[in-house]
Amino acid sequence: MTPAPEPPYYAVIFISRRTARENGYGAAADRMVRLAAEMPGFLGIESVRDEGGVGITVSYWQDEAAIAAWKAHAEHTAVREQGRANWYEEFEVRVAKVERAYGWRK
């Protein structure tokens, strides 16, 4: 786990179920992480996927304007369409403002 940004910030929670098709998914996902990291207001990302194809990716953003800019980015928009056509059975996006964050490490 990576340390959380200092609140307040926003979390975009992307929950998905993948299809069996790879068709360049890994390369596209890696590219999206690199591209998001170049966006103003990007604070970090964490992602997991189980054996059944269900994944959760949480990206962290400074504010809602940064989230809107990411959503409107032309390359991100094109990859979202590829995802709908090829890689996902279903997905949901949830956006939340994080007011507090804390953790513990041994």
N, C-alpha and C. Protein backbone atom coordinates (compact mmCIF):
# COMPACT_ATOMS: atom_id res chain seq x y z
N MET A 1 0.84 -1.19 0.00
CA MET A 1 0.00 0.00 0.00
C MET A 1 0.88 1.24 0.00
N THR A 2 0.37 2.25 -0.65
CA THR A 2 1.07 3.52 -0.66
C THR A 2 0.42 4.44 0.37
N PRO A 3 1.20 5.32 0.96
CA PRO A 3 0.60 6.26 1.93
C PRO A 3 -0.47 7.12 1.26
N ALA A 4 -1.53 7.40 1.98
CA ALA A 4 -2.62 8.22 1.45
C ALA A 4 -2.17 9.68 1.38
N PRO A 5 -2.72 10.42 0.40
CA PRO A 5 -2.46 11.86 0.38
C PRO A 5 -3.04 12.51 1.63
N GLU A 6 -2.64 13.73 1.88
CA GLU A 6 -3.17 14.48 3.02
C GLU A 6 -4.57 14.99 2.67
N PRO A 7 -5.60 14.64 3.46
CA PRO A 7 -6.97 15.11 3.18
C PRO A 7 -7.08 16.62 3.33
N PRO A 8 -8.08 17.21 2.71
CA PRO A 8 -9.10 16.57 1.88
C PRO A 8 -8.60 16.36 0.45
N TYR A 9 -9.14 15.35 -0.20
CA TYR A 9 -8.87 15.04 -1.60
C TYR A 9 -10.04 14.20 -2.10
N TYR A 10 -10.01 13.86 -3.37
CA TYR A 10 -11.09 13.07 -3.95
C TYR A 10 -10.57 11.71 -4.38
N ALA A 11 -11.44 10.72 -4.27
CA ALA A 11 -11.13 9.36 -4.72
C ALA A 11 -12.13 8.99 -5.82
N VAL A 12 -11.61 8.53 -6.95
CA VAL A 12 -12.44 8.00 -8.02
C VAL A 12 -12.29 6.48 -7.95
N ILE A 13 -13.38 5.80 -7.65
CA ILE A 13 -13.37 4.35 -7.42
C ILE A 13 -13.98 3.69 -8.66
N PHE A 14 -13.16 2.92 -9.36
CA PHE A 14 -13.58 2.25 -10.60
C PHE A 14 -13.65 0.75 -10.30
N ILE A 15 -14.86 0.21 -10.32
CA ILE A 15 -15.10 -1.21 -10.02
C ILE A 15 -15.52 -1.86 -11.33
N SER A 16 -14.82 -2.94 -11.72
CA SER A 16 -15.09 -3.52 -13.03
C SER A 16 -15.05 -5.05 -12.99
N ARG A 17 -15.72 -5.62 -13.99
CA ARG A 17 -15.63 -7.06 -14.24
C ARG A 17 -15.14 -7.20 -15.68
N ARG A 18 -13.98 -7.84 -15.83
CA ARG A 18 -13.34 -7.99 -17.14
C ARG A 18 -13.97 -9.10 -17.96
N THR A 19 -13.82 -8.98 -19.28
CA THR A 19 -14.11 -10.08 -20.19
C THR A 19 -12.88 -10.98 -20.23
N ALA A 20 -12.96 -12.07 -20.96
CA ALA A 20 -11.82 -12.98 -21.10
C ALA A 20 -10.81 -12.46 -22.12
N ARG A 21 -11.18 -11.46 -22.91
CA ARG A 21 -10.31 -10.93 -23.97
C ARG A 21 -9.22 -10.03 -23.41
N GLU A 22 -7.98 -10.28 -23.83
CA GLU A 22 -6.86 -9.41 -23.45
C GLU A 22 -6.76 -8.24 -24.44
N ASN A 23 -6.64 -8.53 -25.71
CA ASN A 23 -6.65 -7.53 -26.80
C ASN A 23 -5.96 -6.21 -26.45
N GLY A 24 -4.79 -6.26 -25.82
CA GLY A 24 -4.05 -5.04 -25.51
C GLY A 24 -4.44 -4.35 -24.23
N TYR A 25 -5.23 -5.02 -23.40
CA TYR A 25 -5.70 -4.40 -22.16
C TYR A 25 -4.53 -3.95 -21.27
N GLY A 26 -3.56 -4.84 -21.05
CA GLY A 26 -2.45 -4.53 -20.14
C GLY A 26 -1.69 -3.29 -20.56
N ALA A 27 -1.36 -3.20 -21.84
CA ALA A 27 -0.63 -2.04 -22.34
C ALA A 27 -1.46 -0.77 -22.20
N ALA A 28 -2.75 -0.86 -22.50
CA ALA A 28 -3.63 0.31 -22.38
C ALA A 28 -3.75 0.74 -20.92
N ALA A 29 -3.90 -0.21 -20.01
CA ALA A 29 -4.01 0.13 -18.59
C ALA A 29 -2.73 0.80 -18.09
N ASP A 30 -1.58 0.26 -18.47
CA ASP A 30 -0.31 0.87 -18.08
C ASP A 30 -0.19 2.29 -18.63
N ARG A 31 -0.60 2.48 -19.88
CA ARG A 31 -0.55 3.81 -20.51
C ARG A 31 -1.46 4.78 -19.76
N MET A 32 -2.64 4.34 -19.35
CA MET A 32 -3.56 5.23 -18.65
C MET A 32 -2.98 5.66 -17.31
N VAL A 33 -2.31 4.76 -16.60
CA VAL A 33 -1.68 5.13 -15.33
C VAL A 33 -0.60 6.18 -15.56
N ARG A 34 0.23 5.96 -16.57
CA ARG A 34 1.30 6.94 -16.87
C ARG A 34 0.70 8.29 -17.28
N LEU A 35 -0.34 8.25 -18.10
CA LEU A 35 -0.97 9.48 -18.56
C LEU A 35 -1.64 10.22 -17.41
N ALA A 36 -2.36 9.50 -16.56
CA ALA A 36 -3.02 10.13 -15.41
C ALA A 36 -1.99 10.81 -14.51
N ALA A 37 -0.84 10.16 -14.33
CA ALA A 37 0.21 10.70 -13.46
C ALA A 37 0.75 12.04 -13.98
N GLU A 38 0.56 12.33 -15.25
CA GLU A 38 1.01 13.59 -15.83
C GLU A 38 -0.04 14.70 -15.69
N MET A 39 -1.23 14.34 -15.27
CA MET A 39 -2.32 15.31 -15.18
C MET A 39 -2.19 16.17 -13.93
N PRO A 40 -2.43 17.49 -14.06
CA PRO A 40 -2.46 18.34 -12.87
C PRO A 40 -3.53 17.84 -11.90
N GLY A 41 -3.17 17.78 -10.63
CA GLY A 41 -4.11 17.38 -9.59
C GLY A 41 -4.12 15.89 -9.29
N PHE A 42 -3.38 15.08 -10.06
CA PHE A 42 -3.30 13.64 -9.79
C PHE A 42 -2.44 13.41 -8.55
N LEU A 43 -2.94 12.56 -7.61
CA LEU A 43 -2.23 12.32 -6.35
C LEU A 43 -1.76 10.88 -6.18
N GLY A 44 -2.29 9.94 -6.95
CA GLY A 44 -1.86 8.55 -6.82
C GLY A 44 -2.93 7.58 -7.28
N ILE A 45 -2.57 6.28 -7.24
CA ILE A 45 -3.50 5.25 -7.71
C ILE A 45 -3.16 3.93 -7.03
N GLU A 46 -4.20 3.13 -6.78
CA GLU A 46 -4.05 1.77 -6.25
C GLU A 46 -5.03 0.88 -7.00
N SER A 47 -4.64 -0.38 -7.27
CA SER A 47 -5.49 -1.25 -8.06
C SER A 47 -5.30 -2.71 -7.66
N VAL A 48 -6.40 -3.45 -7.65
CA VAL A 48 -6.37 -4.91 -7.39
C VAL A 48 -7.38 -5.58 -8.32
N ARG A 49 -7.13 -6.85 -8.63
CA ARG A 49 -8.06 -7.64 -9.43
C ARG A 49 -8.02 -9.08 -8.93
N ASP A 50 -9.19 -9.72 -8.82
CA ASP A 50 -9.22 -11.11 -8.36
C ASP A 50 -9.20 -12.08 -9.55
N GLU A 51 -9.15 -13.37 -9.24
CA GLU A 51 -9.07 -14.40 -10.28
C GLU A 51 -10.30 -14.43 -11.16
N GLY A 52 -11.42 -13.97 -10.65
CA GLY A 52 -12.67 -13.96 -11.39
C GLY A 52 -12.84 -12.77 -12.33
N GLY A 53 -11.85 -11.87 -12.33
CA GLY A 53 -11.91 -10.72 -13.23
C GLY A 53 -12.49 -9.46 -12.64
N VAL A 54 -12.86 -9.48 -11.34
CA VAL A 54 -13.38 -8.28 -10.70
C VAL A 54 -12.20 -7.45 -10.19
N GLY A 55 -12.21 -6.18 -10.56
CA GLY A 55 -11.12 -5.30 -10.15
C GLY A 55 -11.64 -4.03 -9.52
N ILE A 56 -10.81 -3.45 -8.67
CA ILE A 56 -11.10 -2.15 -8.07
C ILE A 56 -9.85 -1.29 -8.23
N THR A 57 -10.02 -0.16 -8.87
CA THR A 57 -8.94 0.81 -9.01
C THR A 57 -9.41 2.10 -8.38
N VAL A 58 -8.59 2.65 -7.49
CA VAL A 58 -8.91 3.92 -6.84
C VAL A 58 -7.83 4.92 -7.24
N SER A 59 -8.24 5.97 -7.90
CA SER A 59 -7.30 7.05 -8.21
C SER A 59 -7.64 8.24 -7.31
N TYR A 60 -6.61 8.98 -6.94
CA TYR A 60 -6.75 10.08 -5.99
C TYR A 60 -6.45 11.39 -6.70
N TRP A 61 -7.30 12.38 -6.44
CA TRP A 61 -7.23 13.66 -7.15
C TRP A 61 -7.38 14.82 -6.17
N GLN A 62 -6.75 15.93 -6.52
CA GLN A 62 -6.78 17.12 -5.68
C GLN A 62 -8.17 17.73 -5.58
N ASP A 63 -8.90 17.75 -6.70
CA ASP A 63 -10.21 18.40 -6.70
C ASP A 63 -11.06 17.87 -7.85
N GLU A 64 -12.31 18.31 -7.88
CA GLU A 64 -13.23 17.85 -8.91
C GLU A 64 -12.85 18.35 -10.30
N ALA A 65 -12.21 19.50 -10.39
CA ALA A 65 -11.76 20.02 -11.69
C ALA A 65 -10.71 19.09 -12.30
N ALA A 66 -9.82 18.56 -11.47
CA ALA A 66 -8.80 17.62 -11.97
C ALA A 66 -9.46 16.34 -12.47
N ILE A 67 -10.48 15.86 -11.76
CA ILE A 67 -11.21 14.66 -12.18
C ILE A 67 -11.90 14.92 -13.52
N ALA A 68 -12.52 16.06 -13.66
CA ALA A 68 -13.22 16.39 -14.91
C ALA A 68 -12.24 16.49 -16.07
N ALA A 69 -11.07 17.06 -15.83
CA ALA A 69 -10.06 17.16 -16.89
C ALA A 69 -9.59 15.77 -17.32
N TRP A 70 -9.41 14.87 -16.36
CA TRP A 70 -9.01 13.50 -16.69
C TRP A 70 -10.11 12.81 -17.49
N LYS A 71 -11.34 12.95 -17.08
CA LYS A 71 -12.44 12.32 -17.80
C LYS A 71 -12.54 12.85 -19.22
N ALA A 72 -12.25 14.12 -19.43
CA ALA A 72 -12.36 14.74 -20.75
C ALA A 72 -11.14 14.52 -21.64
N HIS A 73 -10.05 14.00 -21.08
CA HIS A 73 -8.82 13.81 -21.88
C HIS A 73 -9.12 12.90 -23.07
N ALA A 74 -8.71 13.32 -24.26
CA ALA A 74 -9.07 12.61 -25.50
C ALA A 74 -8.59 11.16 -25.51
N GLU A 75 -7.36 10.91 -25.09
CA GLU A 75 -6.84 9.53 -25.12
C GLU A 75 -7.56 8.66 -24.09
N HIS A 76 -7.85 9.21 -22.92
CA HIS A 76 -8.59 8.48 -21.90
C HIS A 76 -10.00 8.16 -22.40
N THR A 77 -10.62 9.10 -23.08
CA THR A 77 -11.96 8.87 -23.64
C THR A 77 -11.94 7.73 -24.65
N ALA A 78 -10.95 7.71 -25.52
CA ALA A 78 -10.84 6.64 -26.53
C ALA A 78 -10.64 5.28 -25.88
N VAL A 79 -9.82 5.22 -24.83
CA VAL A 79 -9.58 3.95 -24.14
C VAL A 79 -10.82 3.51 -23.37
N ARG A 80 -11.58 4.43 -22.82
CA ARG A 80 -12.84 4.06 -22.18
C ARG A 80 -13.78 3.38 -23.17
N GLU A 81 -13.84 3.91 -24.38
CA GLU A 81 -14.69 3.29 -25.41
C GLU A 81 -14.19 1.90 -25.77
N GLN A 82 -12.87 1.72 -25.86
CA GLN A 82 -12.31 0.39 -26.09
C GLN A 82 -12.69 -0.55 -24.96
N GLY A 83 -12.66 -0.05 -23.74
CA GLY A 83 -13.04 -0.86 -22.59
C GLY A 83 -14.47 -1.35 -22.69
N ARG A 84 -15.37 -0.46 -23.06
CA ARG A 84 -16.78 -0.85 -23.22
C ARG A 84 -16.93 -1.89 -24.32
N ALA A 85 -16.20 -1.74 -25.41
CA ALA A 85 -16.33 -2.63 -26.56
C ALA A 85 -15.64 -3.97 -26.36
N ASN A 86 -14.52 -3.99 -25.61
CA ASN A 86 -13.66 -5.19 -25.59
C ASN A 86 -13.34 -5.78 -24.23
N TRP A 87 -13.13 -4.96 -23.22
CA TRP A 87 -12.48 -5.45 -22.01
C TRP A 87 -13.39 -5.63 -20.81
N TYR A 88 -14.52 -4.98 -20.77
CA TYR A 88 -15.35 -5.02 -19.56
C TYR A 88 -16.72 -5.62 -19.83
N GLU A 89 -17.14 -6.47 -18.92
CA GLU A 89 -18.53 -6.94 -18.90
C GLU A 89 -19.41 -5.85 -18.28
N GLU A 90 -18.86 -5.20 -17.27
CA GLU A 90 -19.57 -4.12 -16.58
C GLU A 90 -18.59 -3.31 -15.76
N PHE A 91 -18.97 -2.09 -15.45
CA PHE A 91 -18.18 -1.28 -14.51
C PHE A 91 -19.05 -0.21 -13.88
N GLU A 92 -18.58 0.28 -12.75
CA GLU A 92 -19.20 1.40 -12.05
C GLU A 92 -18.10 2.35 -11.60
N VAL A 93 -18.42 3.62 -11.60
CA VAL A 93 -17.50 4.65 -11.11
C VAL A 93 -18.19 5.37 -9.96
N ARG A 94 -17.46 5.52 -8.89
CA ARG A 94 -17.96 6.27 -7.73
C ARG A 94 -16.92 7.32 -7.37
N VAL A 95 -17.38 8.52 -7.09
CA VAL A 95 -16.48 9.62 -6.74
C VAL A 95 -16.82 10.05 -5.31
N ALA A 96 -15.79 10.14 -4.49
CA ALA A 96 -16.00 10.49 -3.08
C ALA A 96 -14.97 11.51 -2.62
N LYS A 97 -15.39 12.41 -1.76
CA LYS A 97 -14.46 13.33 -1.12
C LYS A 97 -13.97 12.67 0.16
N VAL A 98 -12.67 12.60 0.30
CA VAL A 98 -12.06 12.00 1.49
C VAL A 98 -11.76 13.12 2.48
N GLU A 99 -12.41 13.04 3.62
CA GLU A 99 -12.24 14.05 4.66
C GLU A 99 -11.16 13.66 5.67
N ARG A 100 -11.05 12.34 5.92
CA ARG A 100 -10.07 11.82 6.87
C ARG A 100 -9.45 10.56 6.28
N ALA A 101 -8.20 10.32 6.63
CA ALA A 101 -7.52 9.09 6.23
C ALA A 101 -6.49 8.75 7.31
N TYR A 102 -6.40 7.49 7.65
CA TYR A 102 -5.42 7.08 8.65
C TYR A 102 -5.11 5.61 8.42
N GLY A 103 -4.03 5.14 9.01
CA GLY A 103 -3.64 3.75 8.84
C GLY A 103 -2.73 3.30 9.96
N TRP A 104 -2.23 2.12 9.79
CA TRP A 104 -1.34 1.51 10.79
C TRP A 104 -0.37 0.60 10.06
N ARG A 105 0.86 0.58 10.47
CA ARG A 105 1.88 -0.32 9.93
C ARG A 105 2.63 -0.96 11.08
N LYS A 106 2.92 -2.22 10.93
CA LYS A 106 3.69 -2.93 11.93
C LYS A 106 5.15 -2.57 11.82
